[in-house]
C-alpha atoms as a PDB file:
ATOM      1  CA  MET A   1      -7.435   6.351 -81.070  1.00  0.00           C
ATOM      2  CA  ASN A   2      -9.069   4.463 -78.210  1.00  0.00           C
ATOM      3  CA  ILE A   3      -8.997   4.638 -74.443  1.00  0.00           C
ATOM      4  CA  GLY A   4      -8.515   1.135 -73.103  1.00  0.00           C
ATOM      5  CA  VAL A   5     -10.257   0.167 -69.865  1.00  0.00           C
ATOM      6  CA  PHE A   6      -9.839  -3.259 -68.314  1.00  0.00           C
ATOM      7  CA  ASP A   7     -10.558  -5.382 -65.282  1.00  0.00           C
ATOM      8  CA  SER A   8     -10.692  -9.064 -64.448  1.00  0.00           C
ATOM      9  CA  GLY A   9     -14.462  -8.924 -64.967  1.00  0.00           C
ATOM     10  CA  ILE A  10     -17.390  -6.528 -65.042  1.00  0.00           C
ATOM     11  CA  GLY A  11     -16.186  -4.431 -62.092  1.00  0.00           C
ATOM     12  CA  GLY A  12     -14.146  -2.243 -64.411  1.00  0.00           C
ATOM     13  CA  MET A  13     -17.357  -1.053 -65.991  1.00  0.00           C
ATOM     14  CA  THR A  14     -17.569   1.245 -62.963  1.00  0.00           C
ATOM     15  CA  LEU A  15     -14.675   3.272 -64.376  1.00  0.00           C
ATOM     16  CA  LEU A  16     -15.764   2.838 -67.979  1.00  0.00           C
ATOM     17  CA  HIS A  17     -19.141   4.291 -67.020  1.00  0.00           C
ATOM     18  CA  GLN A  18     -17.534   7.263 -65.255  1.00  0.00           C
ATOM     19  CA  ALA A  19     -15.296   7.835 -68.288  1.00  0.00           C
ATOM     20  CA  MET A  20     -18.268   7.711 -70.664  1.00  0.00           C
ATOM     21  CA  VAL A  21     -20.036  10.320 -68.533  1.00  0.00           C
ATOM     22  CA  LEU A  22     -16.988  12.603 -68.290  1.00  0.00           C
ATOM     23  CA  MET A  23     -15.615  12.113 -71.823  1.00  0.00           C
ATOM     24  CA  PRO A  24     -18.537  11.097 -74.071  1.00  0.00           C
ATOM     25  CA  HIS A  25     -16.689  12.057 -77.269  1.00  0.00           C
ATOM     26  CA  GLU A  26     -13.890   9.516 -76.774  1.00  0.00           C
ATOM     27  CA  LYS A  27     -13.692   6.025 -78.273  1.00  0.00           C
ATOM     28  CA  PHE A  28     -13.443   3.255 -75.684  1.00  0.00           C
ATOM     29  CA  LEU A  29     -12.300  -0.343 -75.642  1.00  0.00           C
ATOM     30  CA  PHE A  30     -13.378  -2.356 -72.600  1.00  0.00           C
ATOM     31  CA  TYR A  31     -11.608  -5.622 -71.814  1.00  0.00           C
ATOM     32  CA  ALA A  32     -12.950  -8.009 -69.171  1.00  0.00           C
ATOM     33  CA  ASP A  33     -10.394 -10.753 -68.496  1.00  0.00           C
ATOM     34  CA  THR A  34     -13.097 -13.294 -67.748  1.00  0.00           C
ATOM     35  CA  ASP A  35     -10.783 -16.248 -68.401  1.00  0.00           C
ATOM     36  CA  HIS A  36      -8.890 -15.306 -65.237  1.00  0.00           C
ATOM     37  CA  VAL A  37     -11.529 -13.704 -62.989  1.00  0.00           C
ATOM     38  CA  PRO A  38     -11.166 -13.045 -60.087  1.00  0.00           C
ATOM     39  CA  TYR A  39      -7.704 -11.477 -59.833  1.00  0.00           C
ATOM     40  CA  GLY A  40      -8.132 -10.980 -56.098  1.00  0.00           C
ATOM     41  CA  THR A  41      -7.470 -14.633 -55.256  1.00  0.00           C
ATOM     42  CA  LYS A  42      -4.547 -15.125 -57.697  1.00  0.00           C
ATOM     43  CA  SER A  43      -0.808 -14.842 -56.997  1.00  0.00           C
ATOM     44  CA  LYS A  44       1.033 -11.581 -57.617  1.00  0.00           C
ATOM     45  CA  GLU A  45       3.032 -13.185 -60.440  1.00  0.00           C
ATOM     46  CA  GLN A  46      -0.117 -14.434 -62.163  1.00  0.00           C
ATOM     47  CA  VAL A  47      -1.775 -11.014 -62.062  1.00  0.00           C
ATOM     48  CA  ILE A  48       1.315  -9.280 -63.483  1.00  0.00           C
ATOM     49  CA  SER A  49       1.359 -11.789 -66.345  1.00  0.00           C
ATOM     50  CA  TYR A  50      -2.351 -11.290 -67.071  1.00  0.00           C
ATOM     51  CA  VAL A  51      -2.061  -7.493 -67.026  1.00  0.00           C
ATOM     52  CA  ASP A  52       0.966  -7.551 -69.318  1.00  0.00           C
ATOM     53  CA  GLY A  53      -1.005  -9.563 -71.870  1.00  0.00           C
ATOM     54  CA  VAL A  54      -3.984  -7.207 -71.681  1.00  0.00           C
ATOM     55  CA  ILE A  55      -1.846  -4.103 -72.205  1.00  0.00           C
ATOM     56  CA  GLN A  56      -0.173  -5.706 -75.231  1.00  0.00           C
ATOM     57  CA  PHE A  57      -3.680  -6.335 -76.598  1.00  0.00           C
ATOM     58  CA  MET A  58      -4.636  -2.702 -75.936  1.00  0.00           C
ATOM     59  CA  ILE A  59      -1.570  -1.404 -77.753  1.00  0.00           C
ATOM     60  CA  SER A  60      -2.285  -3.648 -80.739  1.00  0.00           C
ATOM     61  CA  HIS A  61      -5.805  -2.168 -80.840  1.00  0.00           C
ATOM     62  CA  ASP A  62      -4.637   1.443 -81.121  1.00  0.00           C
ATOM     63  CA  CYS A  63      -5.132   2.577 -77.516  1.00  0.00           C
ATOM     64  CA  LYS A  64      -3.617   5.945 -76.587  1.00  0.00           C
ATOM     65  CA  ALA A  65      -3.944   5.276 -72.852  1.00  0.00           C
ATOM     66  CA  VAL A  66      -4.895   2.418 -70.550  1.00  0.00           C
ATOM     67  CA  LEU A  67      -7.036   2.678 -67.442  1.00  0.00           C
ATOM     68  CA  ILE A  68      -6.460  -0.237 -65.075  1.00  0.00           C
ATOM     69  CA  ALA A  69      -9.971  -0.429 -63.643  1.00  0.00           C
ATOM     70  CA  CYS A  70      -9.030  -2.934 -60.958  1.00  0.00           C
ATOM     71  CA  ASN A  71      -7.643  -2.167 -57.508  1.00  0.00           C
ATOM     72  CA  THR A  72      -5.883  -5.534 -57.312  1.00  0.00           C
ATOM     73  CA  ALA A  73      -4.185  -5.175 -60.711  1.00  0.00           C
ATOM     74  CA  THR A  74      -3.157  -1.610 -59.870  1.00  0.00           C
ATOM     75  CA  ALA A  75      -1.653  -2.673 -56.558  1.00  0.00           C
ATOM     76  CA  VAL A  76       0.554  -5.410 -58.001  1.00  0.00           C
ATOM     77  CA  ALA A  77       1.084  -4.567 -61.688  1.00  0.00           C
ATOM     78  CA  ALA A  78       0.787  -0.824 -62.397  1.00  0.00           C
ATOM     79  CA  ALA A  79       4.394   0.037 -61.495  1.00  0.00           C
ATOM     80  CA  PRO A  80       6.076  -2.676 -63.609  1.00  0.00           C
ATOM     81  CA  MET A  81       3.759  -1.932 -66.552  1.00  0.00           C
ATOM     82  CA  ARG A  82       4.611   1.792 -66.446  1.00  0.00           C
ATOM     83  CA  SER A  83       8.291   0.865 -66.519  1.00  0.00           C
ATOM     84  CA  LYS A  84       7.762  -1.402 -69.523  1.00  0.00           C
ATOM     85  CA  TYR A  85       5.378   0.632 -71.715  1.00  0.00           C
ATOM     86  CA  LYS A  86       5.443   4.263 -72.879  1.00  0.00           C
ATOM     87  CA  LEU A  87       1.720   5.049 -73.123  1.00  0.00           C
ATOM     88  CA  PRO A  88      -0.093   6.537 -70.095  1.00  0.00           C
ATOM     89  CA  ILE A  89      -1.206   3.803 -67.684  1.00  0.00           C
ATOM     90  CA  ILE A  90      -3.570   5.017 -64.973  1.00  0.00           C
ATOM     91  CA  GLY A  91      -4.569   2.838 -62.060  1.00  0.00           C
ATOM     92  CA  ILE A  92      -7.054   3.012 -59.241  1.00  0.00           C
ATOM     93  CA  GLU A  93      -6.473   2.618 -55.533  1.00  0.00           C
ATOM     94  CA  PRO A  94      -8.815   2.632 -52.536  1.00  0.00           C
ATOM     95  CA  ALA A  95      -9.717   6.211 -51.588  1.00  0.00           C
ATOM     96  CA  VAL A  96      -8.236   5.884 -48.098  1.00  0.00           C
ATOM     97  CA  LYS A  97      -6.671   9.346 -47.910  1.00  0.00           C
ATOM     98  CA  PRO A  98      -9.870  11.362 -48.554  1.00  0.00           C
ATOM     99  CA  ALA A  99     -11.846   8.980 -46.342  1.00  0.00           C
ATOM    100  CA  VAL A 100      -9.508   9.538 -43.390  1.00  0.00           C
ATOM    101  CA  ALA A 101      -9.544  13.294 -44.015  1.00  0.00           C
ATOM    102  CA  GLU A 102     -13.350  13.381 -43.951  1.00  0.00           C
ATOM    103  CA  SER A 103     -13.910  10.909 -41.105  1.00  0.00           C
ATOM    104  CA  GLU A 104     -13.924  13.536 -38.309  1.00  0.00           C
ATOM    105  CA  GLY A 105     -12.437  11.044 -35.871  1.00  0.00           C
ATOM    106  CA  LYS A 106     -14.819   8.218 -36.702  1.00  0.00           C
ATOM    107  CA  ARG A 107     -13.469   4.893 -37.943  1.00  0.00           C
ATOM    108  CA  VAL A 108     -12.921   4.092 -41.618  1.00  0.00           C
ATOM    109  CA  MET A 109     -13.687   0.681 -43.111  1.00  0.00           C
ATOM    110  CA  VAL A 110     -11.952  -0.326 -46.344  1.00  0.00           C
ATOM    111  CA  VAL A 111     -13.547  -3.291 -48.138  1.00  0.00           C
ATOM    112  CA  ALA A 112     -11.581  -4.955 -50.942  1.00  0.00           C
ATOM    113  CA  THR A 113     -10.389  -8.294 -52.345  1.00  0.00           C
ATOM    114  CA  PRO A 114      -8.065 -10.541 -50.299  1.00  0.00           C
ATOM    115  CA  LEU A 115      -5.039  -9.751 -52.498  1.00  0.00           C
ATOM    116  CA  THR A 116      -5.602  -5.993 -52.248  1.00  0.00           C
ATOM    117  CA  VAL A 117      -6.070  -6.200 -48.471  1.00  0.00           C
ATOM    118  CA  HIS A 118      -2.834  -8.132 -48.012  1.00  0.00           C
ATOM    119  CA  GLU A 119      -0.782  -6.290 -50.637  1.00  0.00           C
ATOM    120  CA  GLU A 120       1.996  -4.050 -49.342  1.00  0.00           C
ATOM    121  CA  LYS A 121       0.850  -1.059 -51.423  1.00  0.00           C
ATOM    122  CA  LEU A 122      -2.460  -0.678 -49.557  1.00  0.00           C
ATOM    123  CA  ARG A 123      -0.869  -1.272 -46.173  1.00  0.00           C
ATOM    124  CA  ASN A 124       1.774   1.369 -46.913  1.00  0.00           C
ATOM    125  CA  LEU A 125      -0.960   3.801 -47.954  1.00  0.00           C
ATOM    126  CA  VAL A 126      -2.871   3.199 -44.726  1.00  0.00           C
ATOM    127  CA  GLN A 127       0.286   3.583 -42.651  1.00  0.00           C
ATOM    128  CA  ARG A 128       1.073   6.859 -44.407  1.00  0.00           C
ATOM    129  CA  VAL A 129      -2.311   8.559 -43.894  1.00  0.00           C
ATOM    130  CA  ASP A 130      -3.801   6.846 -40.822  1.00  0.00           C
ATOM    131  CA  ASN A 131      -1.912   8.498 -37.976  1.00  0.00           C
ATOM    132  CA  ALA A 132      -4.827   8.000 -35.573  1.00  0.00           C
ATOM    133  CA  HIS A 133      -5.191   4.270 -36.406  1.00  0.00           C
ATOM    134  CA  LEU A 134      -8.790   4.630 -37.551  1.00  0.00           C
ATOM    135  CA  VAL A 135      -8.715   2.324 -40.586  1.00  0.00           C
ATOM    136  CA  ASP A 136      -9.928  -1.274 -40.664  1.00  0.00           C
ATOM    137  CA  LEU A 137      -9.414  -3.544 -43.699  1.00  0.00           C
ATOM    138  CA  LEU A 138     -12.001  -6.176 -44.603  1.00  0.00           C
ATOM    139  CA  ALA A 139     -11.783  -8.644 -47.497  1.00  0.00           C
ATOM    140  CA  LEU A 140     -15.081  -9.479 -49.235  1.00  0.00           C
ATOM    141  CA  PRO A 141     -14.150 -12.085 -51.877  1.00  0.00           C
ATOM    142  CA  ARG A 142     -17.666 -13.388 -52.461  1.00  0.00           C
ATOM    143  CA  LEU A 143     -18.947 -10.006 -53.650  1.00  0.00           C
ATOM    144  CA  VAL A 144     -16.895 -10.399 -56.832  1.00  0.00           C
ATOM    145  CA  GLU A 145     -18.542 -13.785 -57.403  1.00  0.00           C
ATOM    146  CA  PHE A 146     -22.011 -12.289 -56.862  1.00  0.00           C
ATOM    147  CA  ALA A 147     -21.241  -9.449 -59.286  1.00  0.00           C
ATOM    148  CA  GLU A 148     -19.905 -11.715 -62.016  1.00  0.00           C
ATOM    149  CA  ARG A 149     -23.143 -13.676 -62.071  1.00  0.00           C
ATOM    150  CA  GLY A 150     -25.267 -10.529 -62.013  1.00  0.00           C
ATOM    151  CA  GLU A 151     -26.636 -11.061 -58.500  1.00  0.00           C
ATOM    152  CA  PHE A 152     -26.646  -7.531 -57.107  1.00  0.00           C
ATOM    153  CA  VAL A 153     -29.708  -7.434 -54.857  1.00  0.00           C
ATOM    154  CA  SER A 154     -30.634 -10.653 -53.112  1.00  0.00           C
ATOM    155  CA  GLU A 155     -31.095 -12.220 -49.708  1.00  0.00           C
ATOM    156  CA  ALA A 156     -27.801 -14.070 -50.208  1.00  0.00           C
ATOM    157  CA  VAL A 157     -25.892 -10.818 -50.805  1.00  0.00           C
ATOM    158  CA  THR A 158     -27.476  -9.154 -47.779  1.00  0.00           C
ATOM    159  CA  ASP A 159     -26.841 -12.163 -45.532  1.00  0.00           C
ATOM    160  CA  TYR A 160     -23.213 -12.375 -46.656  1.00  0.00           C
ATOM    161  CA  LEU A 161     -22.543  -8.717 -45.873  1.00  0.00           C
ATOM    162  CA  LYS A 162     -24.372  -8.899 -42.550  1.00  0.00           C
ATOM    163  CA  GLU A 163     -22.200 -11.863 -41.576  1.00  0.00           C
ATOM    164  CA  GLN A 164     -18.988 -10.083 -42.575  1.00  0.00           C
ATOM    165  CA  PHE A 165     -19.972  -6.912 -40.700  1.00  0.00           C
ATOM    166  CA  SER A 166     -21.161  -8.769 -37.596  1.00  0.00           C
ATOM    167  CA  GLU A 167     -17.847  -8.406 -35.742  1.00  0.00           C
ATOM    168  CA  TYR A 168     -17.740  -4.628 -36.208  1.00  0.00           C
ATOM    169  CA  GLU A 169     -19.527  -1.872 -34.278  1.00  0.00           C
ATOM    170  CA  LEU A 170     -20.845  -0.064 -37.336  1.00  0.00           C
ATOM    171  CA  GLU A 171     -22.007   2.973 -35.349  1.00  0.00           C
ATOM    172  CA  ARG A 172     -18.334   3.822 -34.796  1.00  0.00           C
ATOM    173  CA  TYR A 173     -17.723   4.301 -38.525  1.00  0.00           C
ATOM    174  CA  GLY A 174     -17.976   7.451 -40.604  1.00  0.00           C
ATOM    175  CA  GLU A 175     -16.552   6.277 -43.941  1.00  0.00           C
ATOM    176  CA  LEU A 176     -16.860   3.126 -46.055  1.00  0.00           C
ATOM    177  CA  VAL A 177     -14.219   2.858 -48.782  1.00  0.00           C
ATOM    178  CA  LEU A 178     -15.201   0.628 -51.702  1.00  0.00           C
ATOM    179  CA  GLY A 179     -11.780  -0.779 -52.567  1.00  0.00           C
ATOM    180  CA  CYS A 180     -12.847  -3.013 -55.442  1.00  0.00           C
ATOM    181  CA  THR A 181     -14.555  -1.769 -58.585  1.00  0.00           C
ATOM    182  CA  HIS A 182     -17.022  -4.665 -58.446  1.00  0.00           C
ATOM    183  CA  PHE A 183     -18.362  -3.339 -55.144  1.00  0.00           C
ATOM    184  CA  ASN A 184     -19.997  -0.255 -56.691  1.00  0.00           C
ATOM    185  CA  PHE A 185     -22.744  -2.512 -58.025  1.00  0.00           C
ATOM    186  CA  PHE A 186     -23.802  -3.106 -54.403  1.00  0.00           C
ATOM    187  CA  LYS A 187     -23.972   0.481 -53.157  1.00  0.00           C
ATOM    188  CA  ASP A 188     -27.702   0.256 -52.461  1.00  0.00           C
ATOM    189  CA  THR A 189     -27.229  -2.792 -50.214  1.00  0.00           C
ATOM    190  CA  PHE A 190     -24.258  -1.196 -48.446  1.00  0.00           C
ATOM    191  CA  ARG A 191     -26.424   1.885 -47.908  1.00  0.00           C
ATOM    192  CA  LYS A 192     -29.189  -0.176 -46.275  1.00  0.00           C
ATOM    193  CA  LEU A 193     -26.811  -2.001 -43.947  1.00  0.00           C
ATOM    194  CA  MET A 194     -24.659   0.930 -42.880  1.00  0.00           C
ATOM    195  CA  PRO A 195     -25.758   3.529 -40.318  1.00  0.00           C
ATOM    196  CA  GLU A 196     -27.019   6.783 -41.799  1.00  0.00           C
ATOM    197  CA  GLN A 197     -23.875   8.745 -40.925  1.00  0.00           C
ATOM    198  CA  VAL A 198     -21.584   6.445 -42.925  1.00  0.00           C
ATOM    199  CA  HIS A 199     -20.403   8.026 -46.183  1.00  0.00           C
ATOM    200  CA  MET A 200     -19.443   5.745 -49.092  1.00  0.00           C
ATOM    201  CA  ILE A 201     -16.421   6.670 -51.172  1.00  0.00           C
ATOM    202  CA  ASP A 202     -14.449   5.039 -53.984  1.00  0.00           C
ATOM    203  CA  GLY A 203     -11.580   6.006 -56.266  1.00  0.00           C
ATOM    204  CA  SER A 204     -13.255   5.587 -59.653  1.00  0.00           C
ATOM    205  CA  LEU A 205     -14.070   9.223 -60.414  1.00  0.00           C
ATOM    206  CA  GLY A 206     -10.634  10.350 -59.229  1.00  0.00           C
ATOM    207  CA  ALA A 207      -8.909   7.857 -61.534  1.00  0.00           C
ATOM    208  CA  VAL A 208     -10.987   8.933 -64.538  1.00  0.00           C
ATOM    209  CA  ARG A 209     -10.309  12.609 -63.827  1.00  0.00           C
ATOM    210  CA  GLN A 210      -6.588  11.865 -63.614  1.00  0.00           C
ATOM    211  CA  LEU A 211      -6.772  10.146 -67.004  1.00  0.00           C
ATOM    212  CA  ALA A 212      -8.621  13.137 -68.465  1.00  0.00           C
ATOM    213  CA  ARG A 213      -6.016  15.569 -67.078  1.00  0.00           C
ATOM    214  CA  ILE A 214      -3.155  13.557 -68.595  1.00  0.00           C
ATOM    215  CA  LEU A 215      -4.812  13.346 -72.010  1.00  0.00           C
ATOM    216  CA  GLU A 216      -5.698  17.036 -71.882  1.00  0.00           C
ATOM    217  CA  ALA A 217      -2.093  17.965 -71.043  1.00  0.00           C
ATOM    218  CA  GLU A 218      -0.886  15.879 -73.993  1.00  0.00           C
ATOM    219  CA  GLY A 219      -3.463  17.416 -76.338  1.00  0.00           C
ATOM    220  CA  ALA A 220      -4.878  13.936 -76.870  1.00  0.00           C
ATOM    221  CA  LEU A 221      -8.535  14.489 -75.970  1.00  0.00           C
ATOM    222  CA  ALA A 222     -11.035  14.094 -78.800  1.00  0.00           C
ATOM    223  CA  LYS A 223     -12.820  17.240 -77.579  1.00  0.00           C
ATOM    224  CA  PRO A 224     -12.260  19.625 -74.646  1.00  0.00           C
ATOM    225  CA  LEU A 225     -13.736  18.424 -71.370  1.00  0.00           C
ATOM    226  CA  ALA A 226     -17.205  19.659 -70.501  1.00  0.00           C
ATOM    227  CA  GLN A 227     -17.549  21.864 -67.440  1.00  0.00           C
ATOM    228  CA  LYS A 228     -19.805  19.297 -65.786  1.00  0.00           C
ATOM    229  CA  ALA A 229     -20.542  15.589 -66.149  1.00  0.00           C
ATOM    230  CA  GLN A 230     -22.709  14.697 -69.115  1.00  0.00           C
ATOM    231  CA  SER A 231     -25.901  12.641 -69.011  1.00  0.00           C
ATOM    232  CA  TRP A 232     -25.133   8.998 -69.766  1.00  0.00           C
ATOM    233  CA  GLU A 233     -28.767   8.367 -70.685  1.00  0.00           C
ATOM    234  CA  LYS A 234     -28.709  11.236 -73.170  1.00  0.00           C
ATOM    235  CA  ASN A 235     -25.374  10.328 -74.787  1.00  0.00           C
ATOM    236  CA  LYS A 236     -25.322   6.517 -74.560  1.00  0.00           C
ATOM    237  CA  ASN A 237     -26.274   5.879 -78.195  1.00  0.00           C
ATOM    238  CA  ASP A 238     -23.556   8.220 -79.490  1.00  0.00           C
ATOM    239  CA  ILE A 239     -20.652   6.859 -77.422  1.00  0.00           C
ATOM    240  CA  SER A 240     -18.246   4.560 -79.268  1.00  0.00           C
ATOM    241  CA  VAL A 241     -17.273   1.495 -77.222  1.00  0.00           C
ATOM    242  CA  ARG A 242     -16.217  -2.047 -78.083  1.00  0.00           C
ATOM    243  CA  TYR A 243     -16.363  -4.828 -75.503  1.00  0.00           C
ATOM    244  CA  PHE A 244     -14.017  -7.814 -75.243  1.00  0.00           C
ATOM    245  CA  GLU A 245     -13.869 -10.897 -73.039  1.00  0.00           C
ATOM    246  CA  SER A 246     -10.225 -12.027 -72.753  1.00  0.00           C
ATOM    247  CA  GLY A 247      -9.527 -10.883 -76.309  1.00  0.00           C
ATOM    248  CA  ARG A 248     -12.792 -12.057 -77.881  1.00  0.00           C
ATOM    249  CA  GLU A 249     -15.028  -9.232 -79.079  1.00  0.00           C
ATOM    250  CA  ILE A 250     -18.584  -9.325 -77.757  1.00  0.00           C
ATOM    251  CA  LEU A 251     -20.989  -9.100 -80.690  1.00  0.00           C
ATOM    252  CA  ASP A 252     -23.877 -11.206 -79.393  1.00  0.00           C
ATOM    253  CA  ALA A 253     -27.019  -9.062 -79.057  1.00  0.00           C
ATOM    254  CA  GLY A 254     -28.047 -10.745 -75.815  1.00  0.00           C
ATOM    255  CA  LYS A 255     -24.697 -10.063 -74.157  1.00  0.00           C
ATOM    256  CA  LEU A 256     -24.662  -6.469 -75.355  1.00  0.00           C
ATOM    257  CA  HIS A 257     -28.162  -5.968 -73.957  1.00  0.00           C
ATOM    258  CA  TYR A 258     -26.949  -7.325 -70.608  1.00  0.00           C
ATOM    259  CA  ILE A 259     -24.001  -4.915 -70.692  1.00  0.00           C
ATOM    260  CA  GLU A 260     -26.413  -2.020 -71.232  1.00  0.00           C
ATOM    261  CA  SER A 261     -28.410  -3.183 -68.202  1.00  0.00           C
ATOM    262  CA  LEU A 262     -25.175  -3.066 -66.176  1.00  0.00           C
ATOM    263  CA  HIS A 263     -24.637   0.533 -67.279  1.00  0.00           C
ATOM    264  CA  GLU A 264     -28.195   1.356 -66.227  1.00  0.00           C
ATOM    265  CA  ARG A 265     -27.504  -0.072 -62.779  1.00  0.00           C
ATOM    266  CA  LEU A 266     -24.193   1.780 -62.515  1.00  0.00           C
ATOM    267  CA  GLU A 267     -25.928   5.037 -63.400  1.00  0.00           C
ATOM    268  CA  LYS A 268     -28.355   4.488 -60.518  1.00  0.00           C
ATOM    269  CA  MET A 269     -25.461   3.642 -58.174  1.00  0.00           C
ATOM    270  CA  ARG A 270     -23.488   6.688 -59.371  1.00  0.00           C
ATOM    271  CA  LEU A 271     -26.345   8.966 -58.363  1.00  0.00           C
ATOM    272  CA  LEU A 272     -26.790   7.457 -54.884  1.00  0.00           C
END
């Protein structure tokens, strides 16, 4: 059986990549809902409808679990989907709690999509863990657009982030939470713009580990988990994964080559 991973676009490959590193013996199905990207600017009702359709697709394609590799979709749709379907559905949320715990009194910046920033789930999370009022939320909608067209390192990306950060005293920050899976593609640019003491954190590895724990507890892993993360470069040709764009399987050699280049970039970003 497969592990289904999906997002509105390529951002979910962040979690797919982590899952391939942690569980290289599993079979994966990756679904990018490119007909509806980005989710972060859609209504709550629209996103719930999209996610419902994707999970039905996953079930019809023999998925034993679904990883919602999208902070926005998790925030608005994970709870109703878990109520509706029996298979494990794991989501991802901004890693605010560990960021606050590690901030040592410095401020914490959470960057995400507009819908995630304004959604009650994130605001409740911040209220629950941010007793010292250290957390700032910043929406970066254009980063999703840059990512979807494969523009990861450019003057336009740098200028956009500089403009968005211009109202903040960055020296006051200790943690930067990447609250959208698309944003991991830009870790090198974030690193250049942020002061040296700022630590970047995201929830992708935590979500994948949670998925692995659930499957392990159910005896549903293809093989026992390795003691440490495997080499993606070493295992990439042996990992079984099928890619879909809004239900259409990607078979074109050019597109598959581009997807491999995205994995190569994510591996570099993972090791930063």
